[in-house]
Amino acid sequence: MKEELGDQVHIIKIDIDENEEVSKQLNIRSIPTLIIYNKEEMQWRQTGSESKQTLVRKLEEYLD
């Protein structure tokens, strides 16, 4: 997605087995869990996979 959105977004992948505290804080019970934050506030959350095209469109909705 870096090609489509450049430096406008930061994609972070978290291994919930190695970061149990983070998964508890975010209430992650299933993987994959996708979360979009904008200005430190959660804007969108989904459990399950999506196509790259759908994710790019969803991310574009939250760009300033």
Protein backbone atom coordinates (compact mmCIF):
# COMPACT_ATOMS: atom_id res chain seq x y z
CA MET A 1 0.00 0.00 0.00
CA LYS A 2 3.05 2.20 0.27
CA GLU A 3 2.93 2.66 -3.53
CA GLU A 4 -0.64 3.98 -3.40
CA LEU A 5 -0.51 6.06 -0.21
CA GLY A 6 3.16 6.87 0.34
CA ASP A 7 4.05 8.45 3.67
CA GLN A 8 0.46 9.42 4.39
CA VAL A 9 -0.09 6.23 6.40
CA HIS A 10 1.90 4.02 8.73
CA ILE A 11 1.18 0.30 8.62
CA ILE A 12 2.02 -1.58 11.80
CA LYS A 13 1.93 -5.34 12.14
CA ILE A 14 1.80 -6.73 15.66
CA ASP A 15 2.49 -10.36 16.60
CA ILE A 16 -0.16 -10.87 19.29
CA ASP A 17 1.62 -13.97 20.62
CA GLU A 18 4.70 -11.87 21.38
CA ASN A 19 2.73 -8.76 22.45
CA GLU A 20 -0.07 -10.11 24.63
CA GLU A 21 -0.43 -6.86 26.55
CA VAL A 22 -1.10 -4.89 23.36
CA SER A 23 -3.67 -7.44 22.20
CA LYS A 24 -5.43 -7.16 25.58
CA GLN A 25 -5.40 -3.35 25.45
CA LEU A 26 -6.90 -3.38 21.95
CA ASN A 27 -9.27 -6.25 22.77
CA ILE A 28 -8.02 -8.35 19.87
CA ARG A 29 -9.55 -11.82 19.99
CA SER A 30 -9.32 -12.89 16.35
CA ILE A 31 -6.77 -12.42 13.61
CA PRO A 32 -6.43 -10.62 11.43
CA THR A 33 -7.85 -7.55 13.14
CA LEU A 34 -7.51 -4.35 11.14
CA ILE A 35 -7.73 -0.99 12.91
CA ILE A 36 -7.50 2.51 11.45
CA TYR A 37 -6.50 5.36 13.74
CA ASN A 38 -6.62 9.03 12.79
CA LYS A 39 -5.17 11.59 15.16
CA GLU A 40 -4.81 8.94 17.88
CA GLU A 41 -8.49 7.96 17.75
CA MET A 42 -9.80 4.67 16.43
CA GLN A 43 -11.91 5.37 13.34
CA TRP A 44 -12.57 1.88 11.95
CA ARG A 45 -12.09 -1.70 13.04
CA GLN A 46 -12.67 -5.03 11.33
CA THR A 47 -11.91 -8.64 12.05
CA GLY A 48 -11.13 -10.70 8.97
CA SER A 49 -9.24 -10.05 5.79
CA GLU A 50 -10.00 -7.55 3.03
CA SER A 51 -8.65 -7.03 -0.45
CA LYS A 52 -5.82 -4.56 -0.89
CA GLN A 53 -8.05 -2.36 -3.06
CA THR A 54 -10.74 -2.21 -0.36
CA LEU A 55 -8.19 -1.34 2.32
CA VAL A 56 -6.66 1.44 0.21
CA ARG A 57 -10.14 2.94 -0.34
CA LYS A 58 -10.94 2.70 3.36
CA LEU A 59 -7.63 4.35 4.33
CA GLU A 60 -8.20 7.15 1.81
CA GLU A 61 -11.48 7.99 3.58
CA TYR A 62 -9.54 8.99 6.69
CA LEU A 63 -6.70 10.98 5.16
CA ASP A 64 -6.72 14.71 5.79
